[in-house]
Amino acid sequence: MALSKATEIRALSDQELADGIVAVKRDLFNLRLEKAVGRLEKTHQFKHARHKLAQMMTVEHERKTKQSKEAE
């Protein structure tokens, strides 16, 4: 699984982006549980999930700052 591209994330709507952030956070939680139990085999999934979460949160922050600047 390759790392996601920022252009793919920027194409999402605001609601899809918010839902995606919640889903990735849930995935990270599940990965931590699997690691604690000792069932996690593919440890690179942490890197991919954190990377995707960071991209999504960055795009969300960009949109919020853009909206606040337009409102002024």
PDB file of N, CA and C in Angstrom:
ATOM      1  N   MET A   1       0.837  -1.169   0.000  1.00  0.00           N
ATOM      2  CA  MET A   1       0.000   0.000   0.000  1.00  0.00           C
ATOM      3  C   MET A   1       0.888   1.241   0.000  1.00  0.00           C
ATOM      4  N   ALA A   2       0.713   2.075  -1.007  1.00  0.00           N
ATOM      5  CA  ALA A   2       1.511   3.291  -1.118  1.00  0.00           C
ATOM      6  C   ALA A   2       0.908   4.403  -0.266  1.00  0.00           C
ATOM      7  N   LEU A   3       1.732   5.367   0.063  1.00  0.00           N
ATOM      8  CA  LEU A   3       1.244   6.511   0.816  1.00  0.00           C
ATOM      9  C   LEU A   3       0.292   7.317  -0.053  1.00  0.00           C
ATOM     10  N   SER A   4      -0.714   7.911   0.563  1.00  0.00           N
ATOM     11  CA  SER A   4      -1.724   8.654  -0.177  1.00  0.00           C
ATOM     12  C   SER A   4      -1.167   9.990  -0.657  1.00  0.00           C
ATOM     13  N   LYS A   5      -1.777  10.516  -1.705  1.00  0.00           N
ATOM     14  CA  LYS A   5      -1.372  11.793  -2.281  1.00  0.00           C
ATOM     15  C   LYS A   5      -2.260  12.906  -1.730  1.00  0.00           C
ATOM     16  N   ALA A   6      -1.705  14.068  -1.548  1.00  0.00           N
ATOM     17  CA  ALA A   6      -2.457  15.203  -1.024  1.00  0.00           C
ATOM     18  C   ALA A   6      -3.530  15.641  -2.011  1.00  0.00           C
ATOM     19  N   THR A   7      -3.292  15.462  -3.313  1.00  0.00           N
ATOM     20  CA  THR A   7      -4.292  15.863  -4.307  1.00  0.00           C
ATOM     21  C   THR A   7      -5.565  15.036  -4.168  1.00  0.00           C
ATOM     22  N   GLU A   8      -5.424  13.774  -3.787  1.00  0.00           N
ATOM     23  CA  GLU A   8      -6.597  12.926  -3.575  1.00  0.00           C
ATOM     24  C   GLU A   8      -7.404  13.420  -2.377  1.00  0.00           C
ATOM     25  N   ILE A   9      -6.717  13.868  -1.352  1.00  0.00           N
ATOM     26  CA  ILE A   9      -7.383  14.326  -0.135  1.00  0.00           C
ATOM     27  C   ILE A   9      -8.033  15.686  -0.367  1.00  0.00           C
ATOM     28  N   ARG A  10      -7.388  16.543  -1.152  1.00  0.00           N
ATOM     29  CA  ARG A  10      -7.962  17.860  -1.437  1.00  0.00           C
ATOM     30  C   ARG A  10      -9.239  17.752  -2.270  1.00  0.00           C
ATOM     31  N   ALA A  11      -9.422  16.665  -2.976  1.00  0.00           N
ATOM     32  CA  ALA A  11     -10.615  16.476  -3.798  1.00  0.00           C
ATOM     33  C   ALA A  11     -11.835  16.093  -2.961  1.00  0.00           C
ATOM     34  N   LEU A  12     -11.643  15.738  -1.701  1.00  0.00           N
ATOM     35  CA  LEU A  12     -12.749  15.340  -0.838  1.00  0.00           C
ATOM     36  C   LEU A  12     -13.554  16.556  -0.392  1.00  0.00           C
ATOM     37  N   SER A  13     -14.840  16.335  -0.132  1.00  0.00           N
ATOM     38  CA  SER A  13     -15.674  17.408   0.420  1.00  0.00           C
ATOM     39  C   SER A  13     -15.349  17.561   1.903  1.00  0.00           C
ATOM     40  N   ASP A  14     -15.890  18.618   2.508  1.00  0.00           N
ATOM     41  CA  ASP A  14     -15.621  18.872   3.926  1.00  0.00           C
ATOM     42  C   ASP A  14     -16.133  17.727   4.802  1.00  0.00           C
ATOM     43  N   GLN A  15     -17.329  17.229   4.497  1.00  0.00           N
ATOM     44  CA  GLN A  15     -17.903  16.142   5.302  1.00  0.00           C
ATOM     45  C   GLN A  15     -17.112  14.847   5.119  1.00  0.00           C
ATOM     46  N   GLU A  16     -16.713  14.554   3.885  1.00  0.00           N
ATOM     47  CA  GLU A  16     -15.909  13.348   3.637  1.00  0.00           C
ATOM     48  C   GLU A  16     -14.565  13.440   4.350  1.00  0.00           C
ATOM     49  N   LEU A  17     -14.017  14.638   4.382  1.00  0.00           N
ATOM     50  CA  LEU A  17     -12.742  14.847   5.064  1.00  0.00           C
ATOM     51  C   LEU A  17     -12.883  14.617   6.564  1.00  0.00           C
ATOM     52  N   ALA A  18     -13.935  15.166   7.162  1.00  0.00           N
ATOM     53  CA  ALA A  18     -14.169  14.980   8.593  1.00  0.00           C
ATOM     54  C   ALA A  18     -14.411  13.508   8.916  1.00  0.00           C
ATOM     55  N   ASP A  19     -15.190  12.820   8.080  1.00  0.00           N
ATOM     56  CA  ASP A  19     -15.432  11.388   8.284  1.00  0.00           C
ATOM     57  C   ASP A  19     -14.150  10.578   8.130  1.00  0.00           C
ATOM     58  N   GLY A  20     -13.316  10.977   7.188  1.00  0.00           N
ATOM     59  CA  GLY A  20     -12.044  10.290   6.976  1.00  0.00           C
ATOM     60  C   GLY A  20     -11.109  10.433   8.158  1.00  0.00           C
ATOM     61  N   ILE A  21     -11.086  11.619   8.762  1.00  0.00           N
ATOM     62  CA  ILE A  21     -10.235  11.848   9.931  1.00  0.00           C
ATOM     63  C   ILE A  21     -10.670  10.940  11.078  1.00  0.00           C
ATOM     64  N   VAL A  22     -11.975  10.854  11.289  1.00  0.00           N
ATOM     65  CA  VAL A  22     -12.489   9.983  12.358  1.00  0.00           C
ATOM     66  C   VAL A  22     -12.133   8.527  12.067  1.00  0.00           C
ATOM     67  N   ALA A  23     -12.259   8.118  10.809  1.00  0.00           N
ATOM     68  CA  ALA A  23     -11.965   6.728  10.435  1.00  0.00           C
ATOM     69  C   ALA A  23     -10.487   6.398  10.646  1.00  0.00           C
ATOM     70  N   VAL A  24      -9.606   7.307  10.275  1.00  0.00           N
ATOM     71  CA  VAL A  24      -8.167   7.056  10.436  1.00  0.00           C
ATOM     72  C   VAL A  24      -7.796   7.013  11.915  1.00  0.00           C
ATOM     73  N   LYS A  25      -8.400   7.889  12.719  1.00  0.00           N
ATOM     74  CA  LYS A  25      -8.136   7.853  14.163  1.00  0.00           C
ATOM     75  C   LYS A  25      -8.602   6.528  14.761  1.00  0.00           C
ATOM     76  N   ARG A  26      -9.734   6.026  14.291  1.00  0.00           N
ATOM     77  CA  ARG A  26     -10.238   4.731  14.758  1.00  0.00           C
ATOM     78  C   ARG A  26      -9.279   3.610  14.338  1.00  0.00           C
ATOM     79  N   ASP A  27      -8.758   3.693  13.108  1.00  0.00           N
ATOM     80  CA  ASP A  27      -7.799   2.693  12.636  1.00  0.00           C
ATOM     81  C   ASP A  27      -6.528   2.703  13.489  1.00  0.00           C
ATOM     82  N   LEU A  28      -6.047   3.892  13.817  1.00  0.00           N
ATOM     83  CA  LEU A  28      -4.852   3.984  14.670  1.00  0.00           C
ATOM     84  C   LEU A  28      -5.099   3.365  16.037  1.00  0.00           C
ATOM     85  N   PHE A  29      -6.282   3.610  16.590  1.00  0.00           N
ATOM     86  CA  PHE A  29      -6.626   3.014  17.878  1.00  0.00           C
ATOM     87  C   PHE A  29      -6.614   1.487  17.779  1.00  0.00           C
ATOM     88  N   ASN A  30      -7.216   0.965  16.720  1.00  0.00           N
ATOM     89  CA  ASN A  30      -7.255  -0.488  16.533  1.00  0.00           C
ATOM     90  C   ASN A  30      -5.853  -1.061  16.326  1.00  0.00           C
ATOM     91  N   LEU A  31      -4.996  -0.330  15.624  1.00  0.00           N
ATOM     92  CA  LEU A  31      -3.619  -0.787  15.441  1.00  0.00           C
ATOM     93  C   LEU A  31      -2.883  -0.846  16.779  1.00  0.00           C
ATOM     94  N   ARG A  32      -3.108   0.160  17.632  1.00  0.00           N
ATOM     95  CA  ARG A  32      -2.471   0.147  18.954  1.00  0.00           C
ATOM     96  C   ARG A  32      -2.959  -1.028  19.792  1.00  0.00           C
ATOM     97  N   LEU A  33      -4.252  -1.334  19.676  1.00  0.00           N
ATOM     98  CA  LEU A  33      -4.780  -2.493  20.400  1.00  0.00           C
ATOM     99  C   LEU A  33      -4.145  -3.790  19.906  1.00  0.00           C
ATOM    100  N   GLU A  34      -4.064  -3.941  18.594  1.00  0.00           N
ATOM    101  CA  GLU A  34      -3.462  -5.153  18.041  1.00  0.00           C
ATOM    102  C   GLU A  34      -2.003  -5.276  18.455  1.00  0.00           C
ATOM    103  N   LYS A  35      -1.291  -4.157  18.496  1.00  0.00           N
ATOM    104  CA  LYS A  35       0.111  -4.189  18.915  1.00  0.00           C
ATOM    105  C   LYS A  35       0.222  -4.614  20.371  1.00  0.00           C
ATOM    106  N   ALA A  36      -0.670  -4.104  21.220  1.00  0.00           N
ATOM    107  CA  ALA A  36      -0.628  -4.437  22.643  1.00  0.00           C
ATOM    108  C   ALA A  36      -0.923  -5.913  22.879  1.00  0.00           C
ATOM    109  N   VAL A  37      -1.807  -6.471  22.064  1.00  0.00           N
ATOM    110  CA  VAL A  37      -2.178  -7.877  22.216  1.00  0.00           C
ATOM    111  C   VAL A  37      -1.126  -8.787  21.586  1.00  0.00           C
ATOM    112  N   GLY A  38      -0.366  -8.233  20.651  1.00  0.00           N
ATOM    113  CA  GLY A  38       0.676  -9.026  20.007  1.00  0.00           C
ATOM    114  C   GLY A  38       0.246  -9.638  18.692  1.00  0.00           C
ATOM    115  N   ARG A  39      -0.852  -9.143  18.117  1.00  0.00           N
ATOM    116  CA  ARG A  39      -1.331  -9.696  16.861  1.00  0.00           C
ATOM    117  C   ARG A  39      -0.923  -8.877  15.649  1.00  0.00           C
ATOM    118  N   LEU A  40      -0.255  -7.746  15.837  1.00  0.00           N
ATOM    119  CA  LEU A  40       0.098  -6.862  14.733  1.00  0.00           C
ATOM    120  C   LEU A  40       1.324  -7.402  14.011  1.00  0.00           C
ATOM    121  N   GLU A  41       1.166  -7.672  12.726  1.00  0.00           N
ATOM    122  CA  GLU A  41       2.276  -8.186  11.928  1.00  0.00           C
ATOM    123  C   GLU A  41       2.850  -7.115  10.997  1.00  0.00           C
ATOM    124  N   LYS A  42       1.991  -6.249  10.493  1.00  0.00           N
ATOM    125  CA  LYS A  42       2.417  -5.240   9.525  1.00  0.00           C
ATOM    126  C   LYS A  42       2.555  -3.893  10.244  1.00  0.00           C
ATOM    127  N   THR A  43       3.721  -3.675  10.815  1.00  0.00           N
ATOM    128  CA  THR A  43       3.925  -2.471  11.619  1.00  0.00           C
ATOM    129  C   THR A  43       3.994  -1.206  10.766  1.00  0.00           C
ATOM    130  N   HIS A  44       4.212  -1.332   9.479  1.00  0.00           N
ATOM    131  CA  HIS A  44       4.263  -0.156   8.607  1.00  0.00           C
ATOM    132  C   HIS A  44       2.901   0.530   8.489  1.00  0.00           C
ATOM    133  N   GLN A  45       1.845  -0.140   8.900  1.00  0.00           N
ATOM    134  CA  GLN A  45       0.517   0.454   8.835  1.00  0.00           C
ATOM    135  C   GLN A  45       0.413   1.680   9.740  1.00  0.00           C
ATOM    136  N   PHE A  46       1.190   1.723  10.821  1.00  0.00           N
ATOM    137  CA  PHE A  46       1.229   2.900  11.683  1.00  0.00           C
ATOM    138  C   PHE A  46       1.689   4.127  10.888  1.00  0.00           C
ATOM    139  N   LYS A  47       2.773   3.942  10.143  1.00  0.00           N
ATOM    140  CA  LYS A  47       3.338   5.044   9.364  1.00  0.00           C
ATOM    141  C   LYS A  47       2.317   5.549   8.352  1.00  0.00           C
ATOM    142  N   HIS A  48       1.678   4.655   7.648  1.00  0.00           N
ATOM    143  CA  HIS A  48       0.713   5.041   6.630  1.00  0.00           C
ATOM    144  C   HIS A  48      -0.487   5.770   7.249  1.00  0.00           C
ATOM    145  N   ALA A  49      -0.973   5.272   8.360  1.00  0.00           N
ATOM    146  CA  ALA A  49      -2.137   5.882   9.001  1.00  0.00           C
ATOM    147  C   ALA A  49      -1.796   7.266   9.545  1.00  0.00           C
ATOM    148  N   ARG A  50      -0.640   7.398  10.189  1.00  0.00           N
ATOM    149  CA  ARG A  50      -0.238   8.703  10.718  1.00  0.00           C
ATOM    150  C   ARG A  50      -0.027   9.711   9.594  1.00  0.00           C
ATOM    151  N   HIS A  51       0.550   9.246   8.495  1.00  0.00           N
ATOM    152  CA  HIS A  51       0.798  10.107   7.337  1.00  0.00           C
ATOM    153  C   HIS A  51      -0.523  10.601   6.745  1.00  0.00           C
ATOM    154  N   LYS A  52      -1.457   9.697   6.584  1.00  0.00           N
ATOM    155  CA  LYS A  52      -2.762  10.067   6.026  1.00  0.00           C
ATOM    156  C   LYS A  52      -3.505  11.017   6.963  1.00  0.00           C
ATOM    157  N   LEU A  53      -3.444  10.758   8.268  1.00  0.00           N
ATOM    158  CA  LEU A  53      -4.091  11.627   9.244  1.00  0.00           C
ATOM    159  C   LEU A  53      -3.490  13.031   9.193  1.00  0.00           C
ATOM    160  N   ALA A  54      -2.188  13.124   9.112  1.00  0.00           N
ATOM    161  CA  ALA A  54      -1.526  14.428   9.047  1.00  0.00           C
ATOM    162  C   ALA A  54      -1.941  15.183   7.792  1.00  0.00           C
ATOM    163  N   GLN A  55      -2.008  14.496   6.660  1.00  0.00           N
ATOM    164  CA  GLN A  55      -2.439  15.144   5.423  1.00  0.00           C
ATOM    165  C   GLN A  55      -3.873  15.651   5.545  1.00  0.00           C
ATOM    166  N   MET A  56      -4.748  14.832   6.072  1.00  0.00           N
ATOM    167  CA  MET A  56      -6.156  15.212   6.189  1.00  0.00           C
ATOM    168  C   MET A  56      -6.327  16.396   7.138  1.00  0.00           C
ATOM    169  N   MET A  57      -5.626  16.375   8.246  1.00  0.00           N
ATOM    170  CA  MET A  57      -5.746  17.470   9.205  1.00  0.00           C
ATOM    171  C   MET A  57      -5.148  18.762   8.638  1.00  0.00           C
ATOM    172  N   THR A  58      -4.108  18.653   7.830  1.00  0.00           N
ATOM    173  CA  THR A  58      -3.510  19.822   7.196  1.00  0.00           C
ATOM    174  C   THR A  58      -4.480  20.449   6.206  1.00  0.00           C
ATOM    175  N   VAL A  59      -5.115  19.634   5.385  1.00  0.00           N
ATOM    176  CA  VAL A  59      -6.081  20.140   4.412  1.00  0.00           C
ATOM    177  C   VAL A  59      -7.269  20.781   5.134  1.00  0.00           C
ATOM    178  N   GLU A  60      -7.721  20.149   6.209  1.00  0.00           N
ATOM    179  CA  GLU A  60      -8.828  20.696   6.986  1.00  0.00           C
ATOM    180  C   GLU A  60      -8.446  22.070   7.556  1.00  0.00           C
ATOM    181  N   HIS A  61      -7.233  22.184   8.089  1.00  0.00           N
ATOM    182  CA  HIS A  61      -6.771  23.447   8.653  1.00  0.00           C
ATOM    183  C   HIS A  61      -6.645  24.510   7.556  1.00  0.00           C
ATOM    184  N   GLU A  62      -6.143  24.133   6.387  1.00  0.00           N
ATOM    185  CA  GLU A  62      -6.031  25.077   5.271  1.00  0.00           C
ATOM    186  C   GLU A  62      -7.400  25.631   4.891  1.00  0.00           C
ATOM    187  N   ARG A  63      -8.388  24.755   4.840  1.00  0.00           N
ATOM    188  CA  ARG A  63      -9.738  25.189   4.466  1.00  0.00           C
ATOM    189  C   ARG A  63     -10.327  26.123   5.510  1.00  0.00           C
ATOM    190  N   LYS A  64     -10.108  25.819   6.781  1.00  0.00           N
ATOM    191  CA  LYS A  64     -10.643  26.668   7.844  1.00  0.00           C
ATOM    192  C   LYS A  64      -9.998  28.049   7.828  1.00  0.00           C
ATOM    193  N   THR A  65      -8.690  28.121   7.629  1.00  0.00           N
ATOM    194  CA  THR A  65      -8.014  29.410   7.598  1.00  0.00           C
ATOM    195  C   THR A  65      -8.440  30.207   6.362  1.00  0.00           C
ATOM    196  N   LYS A  66      -8.653  29.526   5.259  1.00  0.00           N
ATOM    197  CA  LYS A  66      -9.103  30.190   4.037  1.00  0.00           C
ATOM    198  C   LYS A  66     -10.503  30.780   4.242  1.00  0.00           C
ATOM    199  N   GLN A  67     -11.380  30.022   4.906  1.00  0.00           N
ATOM    200  CA  GLN A  67     -12.734  30.509   5.174  1.00  0.00           C
ATOM    201  C   GLN A  67     -12.717  31.692   6.132  1.00  0.00           C
ATOM    202  N   SER A  68     -11.865  31.658   7.131  1.00  0.00           N
ATOM    203  CA  SER A  68     -11.810  32.763   8.095  1.00  0.00           C
ATOM    204  C   SER A  68     -11.251  34.030   7.446  1.00  0.00           C
ATOM    205  N   LYS A  69     -10.312  33.871   6.518  1.00  0.00           N
ATOM    206  CA  LYS A  69      -9.756  35.036   5.829  1.00  0.00           C
ATOM    207  C   LYS A  69     -10.802  35.631   4.879  1.00  0.00           C
ATOM    208  N   GLU A  70     -11.596  34.783   4.249  1.00  0.00           N
ATOM    209  CA  GLU A  70     -12.647  35.272   3.344  1.00  0.00           C
ATOM    210  C   GLU A  70     -13.753  35.964   4.110  1.00  0.00           C
ATOM    211  N   ALA A  71     -14.001  35.543   5.345  1.00  0.00           N
ATOM    212  CA  ALA A  71     -15.047  36.134   6.160  1.00  0.00           C
ATOM    213  C   ALA A  71     -14.667  37.540   6.633  1.00  0.00           C
ATOM    214  N   GLU A  72     -13.398  37.792   6.724  1.00  0.00           N
ATOM    215  CA  GLU A  72     -12.934  39.111   7.204  1.00  0.00           C
ATOM    216  C   GLU A  72     -13.043  40.143   6.170  1.00  0.00           C
TER     217      GLU A  72
END
